[in-house]
Amino acid sequence: NIEGSVPSIQGHPMKPLVLIAEALALAVSGCATRTSGPVEFTCKAQYAWQDTGVLVHAGDRLKVEYETGQWTADIHNGLAPPGGNPATPGHPGDVLPTANRSALIGRVDDQVFLIGNAFDGVIPKDGHLFCAINTTITKSDQSALLPADGSITMRAWVDHAHPVCDQDQKVWYVCL
């Protein structure tokens, strides 16, 4: 080995043995897992930001898939899946003007993003996943969406990037 290089076996770098031993101990104890979910949640068009019950941390990979339902931000434009109505593009005052009106949008902390019919991405901040329909009114957490109608049901999984601990430092998840 060259001084300062990482030891390897057949050309593959070895991970520090301590981390491997800790991960194996967690796996044997039954408390190590890489992915949590699926968590099913329903988002209603008539309400602003709704807590999905999905907790994510910075660096986690969130995957969301469409299950069932249709909704609309304005019943006069017809019902649409969570991808929104392509005939009604977002308006400048909408929460996410680059997405179709009536599209499913998500929020973690102050980060708003398009979920649509499916989402697979890395979350930049810690927090709960909130969902809403893309329209002008959802900027307030308390606004009722009077012309909106319908609901959609989605399924979510979280691939944990880092160990997640409770206040007693008991590890719930670890990425192996």
C-alpha atoms as a PDB file:
ATOM      1  CA  ASN A   1       0.000   0.000   0.000  1.00  0.00           C
ATOM      2  CA  ILE A   2       1.093   3.558  -0.691  1.00  0.00           C
ATOM      3  CA  GLU A   3       1.145   5.647   2.494  1.00  0.00           C
ATOM      4  CA  GLY A   4      -2.190   7.409   2.987  1.00  0.00           C
ATOM      5  CA  SER A   5      -4.130   5.163   0.605  1.00  0.00           C
ATOM      6  CA  VAL A   6      -7.180   3.157   1.624  1.00  0.00           C
ATOM      7  CA  PRO A   7      -6.562  -0.605   2.048  1.00  0.00           C
ATOM      8  CA  SER A   8      -8.282  -2.675  -0.632  1.00  0.00           C
ATOM      9  CA  ILE A   9      -9.262  -6.234  -1.432  1.00  0.00           C
ATOM     10  CA  GLN A  10      -9.025  -7.152  -5.112  1.00  0.00           C
ATOM     11  CA  GLY A  11      -8.968  -3.466  -6.066  1.00  0.00           C
ATOM     12  CA  HIS A  12     -12.070  -2.475  -4.038  1.00  0.00           C
ATOM     13  CA  PRO A  13     -11.548   0.001  -1.199  1.00  0.00           C
ATOM     14  CA  MET A  14     -12.422  -1.393   2.248  1.00  0.00           C
ATOM     15  CA  LYS A  15     -14.811   0.566   4.447  1.00  0.00           C
ATOM     16  CA  PRO A  16     -13.594   1.185   7.970  1.00  0.00           C
ATOM     17  CA  LEU A  17     -14.187  -2.007   9.930  1.00  0.00           C
ATOM     18  CA  VAL A  18     -15.738  -0.147  12.848  1.00  0.00           C
ATOM     19  CA  LEU A  19     -18.563   1.230  10.690  1.00  0.00           C
ATOM     20  CA  ILE A  20     -19.196  -2.180   9.167  1.00  0.00           C
ATOM     21  CA  ALA A  21     -19.249  -3.818  12.608  1.00  0.00           C
ATOM     22  CA  GLU A  22     -21.706  -1.186  13.911  1.00  0.00           C
ATOM     23  CA  ALA A  23     -23.984  -1.593  10.889  1.00  0.00           C
ATOM     24  CA  LEU A  24     -23.931  -5.381  11.226  1.00  0.00           C
ATOM     25  CA  ALA A  25     -24.730  -5.144  14.939  1.00  0.00           C
ATOM     26  CA  LEU A  26     -27.721  -2.953  14.139  1.00  0.00           C
ATOM     27  CA  ALA A  27     -28.862  -5.308  11.384  1.00  0.00           C
ATOM     28  CA  VAL A  28     -28.628  -8.356  13.666  1.00  0.00           C
ATOM     29  CA  SER A  29     -30.536  -6.531  16.422  1.00  0.00           C
ATOM     30  CA  GLY A  30     -33.394  -5.914  13.968  1.00  0.00           C
ATOM     31  CA  CYS A  31     -33.325  -2.116  14.132  1.00  0.00           C
ATOM     32  CA  ALA A  32     -31.400  -1.384  10.920  1.00  0.00           C
ATOM     33  CA  THR A  33     -33.288  -0.716   7.742  1.00  0.00           C
ATOM     34  CA  ARG A  34     -32.534   1.283   4.651  1.00  0.00           C
ATOM     35  CA  THR A  35     -36.018   2.154   3.433  1.00  0.00           C
ATOM     36  CA  SER A  36     -39.130   3.114   5.373  1.00  0.00           C
ATOM     37  CA  GLY A  37     -42.569   2.853   3.899  1.00  0.00           C
ATOM     38  CA  PRO A  38     -44.697   2.627   2.017  1.00  0.00           C
ATOM     39  CA  VAL A  39     -46.790   5.293   3.692  1.00  0.00           C
ATOM     40  CA  GLU A  40     -50.137   5.931   2.037  1.00  0.00           C
ATOM     41  CA  PHE A  41     -51.551   9.445   2.232  1.00  0.00           C
ATOM     42  CA  THR A  42     -54.547  11.263   0.782  1.00  0.00           C
ATOM     43  CA  CYS A  43     -54.341  14.900  -0.195  1.00  0.00           C
ATOM     44  CA  LYS A  44     -57.635  16.822  -0.521  1.00  0.00           C
ATOM     45  CA  ALA A  45     -58.047  19.634  -3.041  1.00  0.00           C
ATOM     46  CA  GLN A  46     -60.192  21.704  -0.669  1.00  0.00           C
ATOM     47  CA  TYR A  47     -57.420  22.236   1.902  1.00  0.00           C
ATOM     48  CA  ALA A  48     -54.095  24.057   1.833  1.00  0.00           C
ATOM     49  CA  TRP A  49     -50.863  22.393   3.040  1.00  0.00           C
ATOM     50  CA  GLN A  50     -51.621  18.987   4.603  1.00  0.00           C
ATOM     51  CA  ASP A  51     -49.164  16.927   6.656  1.00  0.00           C
ATOM     52  CA  THR A  52     -48.683  13.526   4.977  1.00  0.00           C
ATOM     53  CA  GLY A  53     -47.140  11.922   8.069  1.00  0.00           C
ATOM     54  CA  VAL A  54     -43.884  11.305   6.165  1.00  0.00           C
ATOM     55  CA  LEU A  55     -40.759  12.511   8.009  1.00  0.00           C
ATOM     56  CA  VAL A  56     -37.628  13.147   5.933  1.00  0.00           C
ATOM     57  CA  HIS A  57     -34.108  14.367   6.645  1.00  0.00           C
ATOM     58  CA  ALA A  58     -31.638  16.277   4.493  1.00  0.00           C
ATOM     59  CA  GLY A  59     -30.058  13.846   2.040  1.00  0.00           C
ATOM     60  CA  ASP A  60     -32.891  11.285   2.177  1.00  0.00           C
ATOM     61  CA  ARG A  61     -34.268  10.028  -1.129  1.00  0.00           C
ATOM     62  CA  LEU A  62     -38.051  10.381  -1.320  1.00  0.00           C
ATOM     63  CA  LYS A  63     -40.103   8.298  -3.749  1.00  0.00           C
ATOM     64  CA  VAL A  64     -43.808   9.001  -4.254  1.00  0.00           C
ATOM     65  CA  GLU A  65     -46.205   7.127  -6.565  1.00  0.00           C
ATOM     66  CA  TYR A  66     -49.795   7.820  -7.628  1.00  0.00           C
ATOM     67  CA  GLU A  67     -52.405   5.321  -6.453  1.00  0.00           C
ATOM     68  CA  THR A  68     -55.883   6.640  -7.159  1.00  0.00           C
ATOM     69  CA  GLY A  69     -58.192   9.639  -7.359  1.00  0.00           C
ATOM     70  CA  GLN A  70     -58.618  12.870  -9.294  1.00  0.00           C
ATOM     71  CA  TRP A  71     -58.944  16.497  -8.306  1.00  0.00           C
ATOM     72  CA  THR A  72     -59.058  20.053  -9.574  1.00  0.00           C
ATOM     73  CA  ALA A  73     -58.244  23.552  -8.352  1.00  0.00           C
ATOM     74  CA  ASP A  74     -61.315  24.812 -10.255  1.00  0.00           C
ATOM     75  CA  ILE A  75     -64.215  22.430 -10.893  1.00  0.00           C
ATOM     76  CA  HIS A  76     -65.031  24.328 -14.132  1.00  0.00           C
ATOM     77  CA  ASN A  77     -61.794  22.958 -15.654  1.00  0.00           C
ATOM     78  CA  GLY A  78     -62.571  19.286 -14.939  1.00  0.00           C
ATOM     79  CA  LEU A  79     -60.826  16.683 -12.803  1.00  0.00           C
ATOM     80  CA  ALA A  80     -57.193  15.692 -13.327  1.00  0.00           C
ATOM     81  CA  PRO A  81     -54.647  13.224 -11.913  1.00  0.00           C
ATOM     82  CA  PRO A  82     -51.837  14.547  -9.658  1.00  0.00           C
ATOM     83  CA  GLY A  83     -49.856  15.647 -12.729  1.00  0.00           C
ATOM     84  CA  GLY A  84     -52.415  18.436 -13.088  1.00  0.00           C
ATOM     85  CA  ASN A  85     -54.457  19.534 -16.056  1.00  0.00           C
ATOM     86  CA  PRO A  86     -52.211  20.174 -19.102  1.00  0.00           C
ATOM     87  CA  ALA A  87     -54.936  22.423 -20.538  1.00  0.00           C
ATOM     88  CA  THR A  88     -54.501  24.778 -17.567  1.00  0.00           C
ATOM     89  CA  PRO A  89     -50.837  25.701 -17.083  1.00  0.00           C
ATOM     90  CA  GLY A  90     -49.711  27.317 -13.844  1.00  0.00           C
ATOM     91  CA  HIS A  91     -50.405  31.003 -13.282  1.00  0.00           C
ATOM     92  CA  PRO A  92     -47.798  33.568 -12.135  1.00  0.00           C
ATOM     93  CA  GLY A  93     -49.453  33.743  -8.674  1.00  0.00           C
ATOM     94  CA  ASP A  94     -49.587  29.962  -8.143  1.00  0.00           C
ATOM     95  CA  VAL A  95     -47.359  28.391  -5.528  1.00  0.00           C
ATOM     96  CA  LEU A  96     -45.398  26.642  -8.302  1.00  0.00           C
ATOM     97  CA  PRO A  97     -46.064  28.648 -11.496  1.00  0.00           C
ATOM     98  CA  THR A  98     -43.913  26.322 -13.637  1.00  0.00           C
ATOM     99  CA  ALA A  99     -46.203  23.333 -12.885  1.00  0.00           C
ATOM    100  CA  ASN A 100     -49.680  22.695 -14.265  1.00  0.00           C
ATOM    101  CA  ARG A 101     -52.545  24.069 -12.276  1.00  0.00           C
ATOM    102  CA  SER A 102     -54.053  21.267 -10.144  1.00  0.00           C
ATOM    103  CA  ALA A 103     -50.719  19.411  -9.989  1.00  0.00           C
ATOM    104  CA  LEU A 104     -49.707  17.775  -6.706  1.00  0.00           C
ATOM    105  CA  ILE A 105     -46.967  19.807  -5.040  1.00  0.00           C
ATOM    106  CA  GLY A 106     -44.931  18.988  -1.971  1.00  0.00           C
ATOM    107  CA  ARG A 107     -43.182  21.025   0.686  1.00  0.00           C
ATOM    108  CA  VAL A 108     -40.510  20.184   3.249  1.00  0.00           C
ATOM    109  CA  ASP A 109     -39.686  23.167   5.457  1.00  0.00           C
ATOM    110  CA  ASP A 110     -39.609  26.089   2.976  1.00  0.00           C
ATOM    111  CA  GLN A 111     -38.692  23.969  -0.078  1.00  0.00           C
ATOM    112  CA  VAL A 112     -41.607  23.559  -2.523  1.00  0.00           C
ATOM    113  CA  PHE A 113     -41.377  21.042  -5.373  1.00  0.00           C
ATOM    114  CA  LEU A 114     -43.517  19.244  -7.948  1.00  0.00           C
ATOM    115  CA  ILE A 115     -44.579  15.720  -7.021  1.00  0.00           C
ATOM    116  CA  GLY A 116     -47.046  15.248  -9.890  1.00  0.00           C
ATOM    117  CA  ASN A 117     -47.878  11.638 -10.807  1.00  0.00           C
ATOM    118  CA  ALA A 118     -44.540  10.437  -9.408  1.00  0.00           C
ATOM    119  CA  PHE A 119     -41.520  11.885  -7.631  1.00  0.00           C
ATOM    120  CA  ASP A 120     -38.067  10.460  -7.002  1.00  0.00           C
ATOM    121  CA  GLY A 121     -35.550  12.889  -5.577  1.00  0.00           C
ATOM    122  CA  VAL A 122     -33.224  13.864  -2.753  1.00  0.00           C
ATOM    123  CA  ILE A 123     -34.666  16.101  -0.048  1.00  0.00           C
ATOM    124  CA  PRO A 124     -32.448  19.072   0.926  1.00  0.00           C
ATOM    125  CA  LYS A 125     -33.921  19.804   4.390  1.00  0.00           C
ATOM    126  CA  ASP A 126     -35.293  18.083   7.496  1.00  0.00           C
ATOM    127  CA  GLY A 127     -39.027  18.099   8.156  1.00  0.00           C
ATOM    128  CA  HIS A 128     -42.439  16.655   7.435  1.00  0.00           C
ATOM    129  CA  LEU A 129     -43.663  16.261   3.872  1.00  0.00           C
ATOM    130  CA  PHE A 130     -46.716  18.437   3.242  1.00  0.00           C
ATOM    131  CA  CYS A 131     -48.911  18.164   0.145  1.00  0.00           C
ATOM    132  CA  ALA A 132     -51.256  20.557  -1.653  1.00  0.00           C
ATOM    133  CA  ILE A 133     -52.857  21.216  -4.996  1.00  0.00           C
ATOM    134  CA  ASN A 134     -51.031  23.783  -7.132  1.00  0.00           C
ATOM    135  CA  THR A 135     -53.100  26.949  -7.194  1.00  0.00           C
ATOM    136  CA  THR A 136     -52.854  30.557  -6.021  1.00  0.00           C
ATOM    137  CA  ILE A 137     -54.609  30.098  -2.685  1.00  0.00           C
ATOM    138  CA  THR A 138     -52.296  27.463  -1.132  1.00  0.00           C
ATOM    139  CA  LYS A 139     -49.701  30.041  -0.061  1.00  0.00           C
ATOM    140  CA  SER A 140     -51.364  30.201   3.364  1.00  0.00           C
ATOM    141  CA  ASP A 141     -51.463  27.136   5.594  1.00  0.00           C
ATOM    142  CA  GLN A 142     -55.019  27.999   6.668  1.00  0.00           C
ATOM    143  CA  SER A 143     -56.752  28.864   3.371  1.00  0.00           C
ATOM    144  CA  ALA A 144     -59.807  26.906   2.316  1.00  0.00           C
ATOM    145  CA  LEU A 145     -59.895  26.219  -1.416  1.00  0.00           C
ATOM    146  CA  LEU A 146     -63.552  26.871  -2.204  1.00  0.00           C
ATOM    147  CA  PRO A 147     -63.632  26.169  -5.987  1.00  0.00           C
ATOM    148  CA  ALA A 148     -61.456  23.048  -5.597  1.00  0.00           C
ATOM    149  CA  ASP A 149     -62.790  19.499  -5.493  1.00  0.00           C
ATOM    150  CA  GLY A 150     -61.603  15.888  -5.233  1.00  0.00           C
ATOM    151  CA  SER A 151     -58.694  14.072  -3.635  1.00  0.00           C
ATOM    152  CA  ILE A 152     -55.781  11.882  -4.608  1.00  0.00           C
ATOM    153  CA  THR A 153     -54.093   9.037  -2.793  1.00  0.00           C
ATOM    154  CA  MET A 154     -50.339   8.530  -3.057  1.00  0.00           C
ATOM    155  CA  ARG A 155     -47.757   6.108  -1.656  1.00  0.00           C
ATOM    156  CA  ALA A 156     -44.325   7.226  -0.358  1.00  0.00           C
ATOM    157  CA  TRP A 157     -41.015   5.567   0.546  1.00  0.00           C
ATOM    158  CA  VAL A 158     -37.940   7.127   2.148  1.00  0.00           C
ATOM    159  CA  ASP A 159     -34.407   5.839   1.600  1.00  0.00           C
ATOM    160  CA  HIS A 160     -32.516   7.140   4.621  1.00  0.00           C
ATOM    161  CA  ALA A 161     -29.163   8.725   3.848  1.00  0.00           C
ATOM    162  CA  HIS A 162     -27.966   8.951   7.455  1.00  0.00           C
ATOM    163  CA  PRO A 163     -28.788   7.284  10.747  1.00  0.00           C
ATOM    164  CA  VAL A 164     -31.959   8.669  12.275  1.00  0.00           C
ATOM    165  CA  CYS A 165     -31.961   8.797  16.088  1.00  0.00           C
ATOM    166  CA  ASP A 166     -34.485   9.651  18.757  1.00  0.00           C
ATOM    167  CA  GLN A 167     -33.649  11.839  21.791  1.00  0.00           C
ATOM    168  CA  ASP A 168     -32.056   8.825  23.558  1.00  0.00           C
ATOM    169  CA  GLN A 169     -29.732   8.341  20.541  1.00  0.00           C
ATOM    170  CA  LYS A 170     -31.294   4.966  19.695  1.00  0.00           C
ATOM    171  CA  VAL A 171     -30.729   4.478  15.958  1.00  0.00           C
ATOM    172  CA  TRP A 172     -33.968   3.827  14.028  1.00  0.00           C
ATOM    173  CA  TYR A 173     -32.508   3.544  10.521  1.00  0.00           C
ATOM    174  CA  VAL A 174     -29.043   3.257   9.052  1.00  0.00           C
ATOM    175  CA  CYS A 175     -28.009   3.188   5.419  1.00  0.00           C
ATOM    176  CA  LEU A 176     -25.860   0.075   4.878  1.00  0.00           C
END
